[in-house]
Structure formats: C-alpha cells, structure tokens
C-alpha cells in the first residue's frame, strides 16, 4: 500500500504523520522505518522485507523524487503487506491514496487558531484573534508558539496582549533582513528580501520598512536596550537608507535598484 502526503503546510503534515505512526504502533510495535535521501533500492528492500513477528511495516520516505523506475515497480509496492508513506512538498503523478495539505487561511485558519487556544485552556477575544492571524499568517509552527506564549501570559487573551507580545510577520522578516545586512551576509540578505518581493512588496516599501525598524533599534540601543547590533553599524545602515531614499525622490536612483545598492554596499 502506498500513501502520498504533499503540500506546503509542514505543520499539519507533521501532525498527520505522528497520528499515523501512533495508530500503526498500537498494532505493530516494531514495524516502523523513517528514511531521508532514500534510493529506490532502499525503499524496495524495506517494502519487500517480512517481519518474523507477522507485523506490518510502516516505511516513511521524505522528499523522494518519483522516477520512472519507481513507477515501474509501483504495483509491487502496492501489493506489499507493508505501508509506504511518501512525504513531499510538491504533488507528483502517482496513482495511490493522496492527501494534500495546503496552507490554512481565512475561516479555516481562524478556526484552527481558536481551537488551539481552547486546547490550551484559554479564550481569546475576536479582535485579538483577528490581529494574531494578521501578525502571524499561515505559519502554524509560529502560531502555536505565539499561542503558548499568550496563554502563559493570560488565559484570557485580549487585543492588548497580542499587541504587546506578538510581532508582526512583516516586522520579523525585516528584522531578519537587517540582521543579514549588519552581518555582511549578502546572500542571506538577498534571499530575505526576495521573500518580500515574492509576496508582492515593492522595493520602496521594503526600504522604508528597513529604515523604520533601524530607527526603532537605534532608539532602543540608545536607551540602554540590548540587541545584536553595534550603534555604529545601525547608524551607517540608516544613513545609507536615507541617502537612497533621497536618491529615489530626486530621480537619481531607480527604485528597483535601491535594494541591490543597499546590499552591495554592506
């Protein structure tokens, strides 16, 4: 038997895999294998082996590329008493039992977050829940961590609690970009900025966001707050942003090139 899990929601895939493993182990105490970077022969060996205790084996294979060689042997694997679970991010042309795990959004995400709060013996205001979703988005790993933090702070989560304890996802990503820039990690900075561009943010907005966060960090540093940046690094970065912003407004700098100029100057 072959099962295929795929999708971008790695949190729900992980939870579904856990449930499947637990259910399998209730009847098959020793029949479980997890493989990464597996070759076809590794899968073949595991699927065709028979337990001396008459147990079925659950073989979980992560990030396996479905090849023609694999498809040519699919009937053999399907007829095996063992279970093959393939977990990939992307769909594949394979005829078997499939389940897709899309990122949650809208009402589905709202229901998931509220249920998670209730599972942790907490309650959350409607406005607080909306802001939490706006801040965190579809990242369920982070959503769970933020809910744990909020419930530990107060079992009755208010709008002000979310504002106080949870950082906006855009702010988190910009802070990550600033971290890469001050560490002179050009590759990391470009990859981080690409996330914003892929999301639809325009270069001038990204530049303004970086400048806004740098001002906040400088202010916190001057008040004696701790962060990983030196005051000289931050002021130098902010001066460059001001220079680029002026260049854009006076037509001396192409907005689309501003971020590359910023990164290349670190």
Protein backbone atom coordinates (compact mmCIF):
# COMPACT_ATOMS: atom_id res chain seq x y z
CA UNK A 1 0.00 0.00 0.00
CA UNK A 2 1.25 3.49 -0.88
CA UNK A 3 0.14 6.79 0.70
CA UNK A 4 1.29 10.18 -0.57
CA UNK A 5 1.23 13.34 1.58
CA UNK A 6 2.14 16.63 -0.06
CA UNK A 7 1.74 20.38 0.40
CA UNK A 8 3.33 23.46 1.93
CA UNK A 9 1.75 23.13 5.38
CA UNK A 10 4.56 21.19 7.03
CA UNK A 11 3.00 21.58 10.48
CA UNK A 12 -0.19 19.70 9.60
CA UNK A 13 1.78 17.12 7.64
CA UNK A 14 3.94 16.52 10.70
CA UNK A 15 0.89 16.13 12.95
CA UNK A 16 -0.79 13.74 10.48
CA UNK A 17 2.38 11.65 10.25
CA UNK A 18 2.55 11.48 14.05
CA UNK A 19 -1.07 10.26 14.22
CA UNK A 20 -0.38 7.63 11.58
CA UNK A 21 2.75 6.41 13.40
CA UNK A 22 0.93 6.19 16.74
CA UNK A 23 -2.00 4.29 15.22
CA UNK A 24 0.38 1.90 13.47
CA UNK A 25 2.44 1.21 16.59
CA UNK A 26 -0.64 0.16 18.56
CA UNK A 27 -0.76 -2.96 16.38
CA UNK A 28 2.82 -3.20 15.13
CA UNK A 29 5.30 -2.45 17.91
CA UNK A 30 8.49 -2.81 15.88
CA UNK A 31 7.42 -2.22 12.27
CA UNK A 32 8.46 1.37 11.58
CA UNK A 33 11.22 2.98 9.47
CA UNK A 34 11.86 6.60 8.53
CA UNK A 35 14.12 7.37 5.54
CA UNK A 36 15.64 10.55 4.13
CA UNK A 37 17.76 10.79 0.98
CA UNK A 38 16.49 7.30 0.13
CA UNK A 39 17.30 5.50 -3.09
CA UNK A 40 14.85 3.22 -4.87
CA UNK A 41 16.73 0.16 -3.69
CA UNK A 42 16.38 1.32 -0.05
CA UNK A 43 12.61 1.52 -0.47
CA UNK A 44 12.46 -1.80 -2.29
CA UNK A 45 14.42 -3.55 0.47
CA UNK A 46 12.19 -2.16 3.24
CA UNK A 47 8.90 -2.80 1.44
CA UNK A 48 9.71 -6.39 0.47
CA UNK A 49 11.05 -7.48 3.84
CA UNK A 50 8.73 -9.57 6.02
CA UNK A 51 8.64 -9.34 9.81
CA UNK A 52 9.25 -12.54 11.76
CA UNK A 53 6.58 -11.33 14.19
CA UNK A 54 3.95 -11.11 11.44
CA UNK A 55 3.83 -7.33 11.75
CA UNK A 56 3.23 -4.81 9.02
CA UNK A 57 5.97 -2.26 8.48
CA UNK A 58 5.34 1.45 8.03
CA UNK A 59 8.05 2.96 5.83
CA UNK A 60 8.09 6.76 5.72
CA UNK A 61 10.19 8.37 2.97
CA UNK A 62 10.76 12.13 2.93
CA UNK A 63 11.46 14.24 -0.18
CA UNK A 64 11.69 11.30 -2.56
CA UNK A 65 11.73 12.09 -6.27
CA UNK A 66 9.17 9.96 -8.10
CA UNK A 67 11.04 8.46 -11.07
CA UNK A 68 10.06 6.21 -13.96
CA UNK A 69 11.95 3.37 -12.29
CA UNK A 70 9.85 3.81 -9.17
CA UNK A 71 6.60 3.92 -11.15
CA UNK A 72 7.59 0.75 -12.99
CA UNK A 73 7.61 -1.07 -9.62
CA UNK A 74 4.58 0.62 -8.09
CA UNK A 75 2.36 -2.47 -8.40
CA UNK A 76 4.95 -4.44 -6.45
CA UNK A 77 4.91 -1.89 -3.63
CA UNK A 78 1.11 -1.65 -3.67
CA UNK A 79 0.80 -5.40 -3.28
CA UNK A 80 3.20 -5.48 -0.33
CA UNK A 81 1.65 -6.06 3.11
CA UNK A 82 3.80 -3.13 4.30
CA UNK A 83 2.78 0.53 4.03
CA UNK A 84 4.83 3.10 2.16
CA UNK A 85 4.21 6.75 3.09
CA UNK A 86 5.91 9.31 0.82
CA UNK A 87 6.05 12.88 2.13
CA UNK A 88 6.90 15.61 -0.41
CA UNK A 89 6.24 19.32 -0.68
CA UNK A 90 5.03 19.08 -4.27
CA UNK A 91 2.46 16.85 -5.94
CA UNK A 92 3.56 14.02 -8.23
CA UNK A 93 1.92 11.92 -10.92
CA UNK A 94 1.43 8.80 -8.86
CA UNK A 95 -1.70 6.66 -8.66
CA UNK A 96 -2.23 6.00 -4.96
CA UNK A 97 -4.02 7.29 -1.88
CA UNK A 98 -3.16 11.02 -1.71
CA UNK A 99 -3.73 13.85 0.73
CA UNK A 100 -2.84 17.50 0.13
CA UNK A 101 -2.01 19.89 2.97
CA UNK A 102 -2.49 23.46 1.76
CA UNK A 103 -1.62 26.42 3.96
CA UNK A 104 -4.64 27.40 6.02
CA UNK A 105 -6.16 30.84 5.59
CA UNK A 106 -9.44 32.66 6.12
CA UNK A 107 -12.04 30.91 8.25
CA UNK A 108 -10.09 27.63 8.34
CA UNK A 109 -7.05 29.34 9.85
CA UNK A 110 -9.25 31.23 12.29
CA UNK A 111 -10.95 28.03 13.43
CA UNK A 112 -7.59 26.25 13.83
CA UNK A 113 -6.13 29.08 15.94
CA UNK A 114 -9.21 29.34 18.17
CA UNK A 115 -9.26 25.57 18.71
CA UNK A 116 -5.55 25.64 19.61
CA UNK A 117 -6.22 28.35 22.22
CA UNK A 118 -9.10 26.32 23.67
CA UNK A 119 -6.97 23.15 23.71
CA UNK A 120 -4.56 25.09 25.95
CA UNK A 121 -7.43 26.07 28.28
CA UNK A 122 -7.53 29.66 27.09
CA UNK A 123 -10.05 32.02 25.48
CA UNK A 124 -9.36 34.81 23.01
CA UNK A 125 -11.28 37.93 22.03
CA UNK A 126 -12.46 38.13 18.42
CA UNK A 127 -10.41 41.29 17.76
CA UNK A 128 -7.35 39.70 19.39
CA UNK A 129 -7.75 36.59 17.23
CA UNK A 130 -8.01 38.67 14.05
CA UNK A 131 -4.86 40.63 14.94
CA UNK A 132 -2.99 37.45 15.86
CA UNK A 133 -3.79 35.96 12.44
CA UNK A 134 -2.81 39.21 10.73
CA UNK A 135 0.52 39.24 12.59
CA UNK A 136 1.41 35.57 12.18
CA UNK A 137 -0.29 34.40 8.99
CA UNK A 138 -0.36 30.74 7.95
CA UNK A 139 2.83 29.64 9.72
CA UNK A 140 1.30 27.14 12.17
CA UNK A 141 4.63 26.41 13.85
CA UNK A 142 4.94 30.06 14.83
CA UNK A 143 1.20 30.33 15.53
CA UNK A 144 1.42 27.51 18.07
CA UNK A 145 4.43 29.12 19.78
CA UNK A 146 2.71 32.51 19.94
CA UNK A 147 -0.46 30.97 21.39
CA UNK A 148 1.59 29.14 24.04
CA UNK A 149 3.24 32.44 24.96
CA UNK A 150 -0.07 34.29 25.09
CA UNK A 151 -1.89 31.65 27.18
CA UNK A 152 1.01 31.51 29.65
CA UNK A 153 0.75 35.31 29.98
CA UNK A 154 -3.03 35.30 30.39
CA UNK A 155 -5.67 32.61 29.91
CA UNK A 156 -8.00 35.36 28.65
CA UNK A 157 -6.18 36.78 25.63
CA UNK A 158 -7.01 40.39 24.81
CA UNK A 159 -6.20 42.64 21.86
CA UNK A 160 -3.65 44.48 24.01
CA UNK A 161 -1.96 41.16 24.92
CA UNK A 162 -1.40 40.39 21.23
CA UNK A 163 -0.09 43.90 20.58
CA UNK A 164 2.29 43.60 23.49
CA UNK A 165 3.64 40.08 22.97
CA UNK A 166 3.40 39.23 19.25
CA UNK A 167 5.46 40.76 16.47
CA UNK A 168 4.03 41.33 13.01
CA UNK A 169 5.34 38.80 10.46
CA UNK A 170 6.49 41.66 8.22
CA UNK A 171 8.46 43.12 11.13
CA UNK A 172 10.03 39.73 11.83
CA UNK A 173 11.11 39.33 8.20
CA UNK A 174 12.52 42.86 8.03
CA UNK A 175 14.45 42.29 11.26
CA UNK A 176 15.88 39.13 9.68
CA UNK A 177 16.95 41.19 6.66
CA UNK A 178 18.61 43.79 8.90
CA UNK A 179 20.44 41.01 10.72
CA UNK A 180 21.84 39.65 7.45
CA UNK A 181 22.89 43.14 6.31
CA UNK A 182 24.74 44.03 9.52
CA UNK A 183 26.50 40.65 9.43
CA UNK A 184 27.51 41.46 5.83
CA UNK A 185 25.77 38.28 4.67
CA UNK A 186 24.79 39.44 1.19
CA UNK A 187 23.38 36.08 0.14
CA UNK A 188 21.15 35.84 3.20
CA UNK A 189 20.00 39.46 2.81
CA UNK A 190 19.09 38.96 -0.85
CA UNK A 191 17.18 35.76 -0.05
CA UNK A 192 15.31 37.53 2.75
CA UNK A 193 14.42 40.46 0.50
CA UNK A 194 13.29 38.03 -2.20
CA UNK A 195 10.64 36.72 0.22
CA UNK A 196 9.16 40.21 0.38
CA UNK A 197 9.32 40.73 -3.37
CA UNK A 198 7.69 37.33 -3.98
CA UNK A 199 4.92 38.39 -1.60
CA UNK A 200 4.30 41.48 -3.71
CA UNK A 201 6.04 44.15 -1.62
CA UNK A 202 7.58 46.90 -3.76
CA UNK A 203 11.25 47.90 -3.26
CA UNK A 204 10.45 51.36 -1.89
CA UNK A 205 8.14 49.83 0.75
CA UNK A 206 10.84 47.33 1.78
CA UNK A 207 13.42 50.11 2.02
CA UNK A 208 11.06 52.21 4.13
CA UNK A 209 10.32 49.23 6.41
CA UNK A 210 14.03 48.59 6.93
CA UNK A 211 14.56 52.26 7.74
CA UNK A 212 11.64 52.27 10.18
CA UNK A 213 12.93 49.22 12.04
CA UNK A 214 16.51 50.51 12.11
CA UNK A 215 15.28 53.75 13.74
CA UNK A 216 13.43 51.70 16.37
CA UNK A 217 16.52 49.57 17.07
CA UNK A 218 18.77 52.65 17.33
CA UNK A 219 16.33 54.28 19.75
CA UNK A 220 16.22 51.12 21.89
CA UNK A 221 20.02 50.87 21.82
CA UNK A 222 20.43 54.48 22.94
CA UNK A 223 18.05 53.83 25.85
CA UNK A 224 20.29 51.00 27.02
CA UNK A 225 18.38 48.17 25.37
CA UNK A 226 20.19 45.03 24.24
CA UNK A 227 20.41 43.78 20.67
CA UNK A 228 22.98 42.11 18.47
CA UNK A 229 23.91 45.26 16.53
CA UNK A 230 26.51 47.91 17.27
CA UNK A 231 25.32 51.52 17.23
CA UNK A 232 27.86 52.34 14.51
CA UNK A 233 26.53 49.53 12.26
CA UNK A 234 22.98 50.74 12.69
CA UNK A 235 23.75 54.42 12.07
CA UNK A 236 25.80 53.59 8.99
CA UNK A 237 22.93 51.47 7.65
CA UNK A 238 20.38 54.18 8.39
CA UNK A 239 22.49 56.87 6.69
CA UNK A 240 22.67 54.66 3.57
CA UNK A 241 18.89 54.21 3.58
CA UNK A 242 18.35 57.98 3.89
CA UNK A 243 20.77 58.52 1.01
CA UNK A 244 18.95 56.02 -1.19
CA UNK A 245 15.55 57.44 -0.27
CA UNK A 246 16.74 60.92 -1.28
CA UNK A 247 18.17 59.49 -4.50
CA UNK A 248 14.83 57.87 -5.37
CA UNK A 249 12.87 61.05 -4.67
CA UNK A 250 15.23 63.17 -6.80
CA UNK A 251 15.32 60.64 -9.64
CA UNK A 252 19.00 59.82 -9.19
CA UNK A 253 18.31 56.22 -8.06
CA UNK A 254 15.99 53.72 -9.75
CA UNK A 255 13.60 52.37 -7.04
CA UNK A 256 14.02 48.83 -8.40
CA UNK A 257 17.79 49.08 -7.96
CA UNK A 258 17.75 50.64 -4.48
CA UNK A 259 17.80 47.34 -2.56
CA UNK A 260 20.65 45.92 -4.64
CA UNK A 261 22.63 49.10 -3.99
CA UNK A 262 21.94 48.77 -0.26
CA UNK A 263 23.01 45.12 -0.11
CA UNK A 264 26.08 45.58 -2.33
CA UNK A 265 27.26 48.40 -0.07
CA UNK A 266 27.47 46.28 3.08
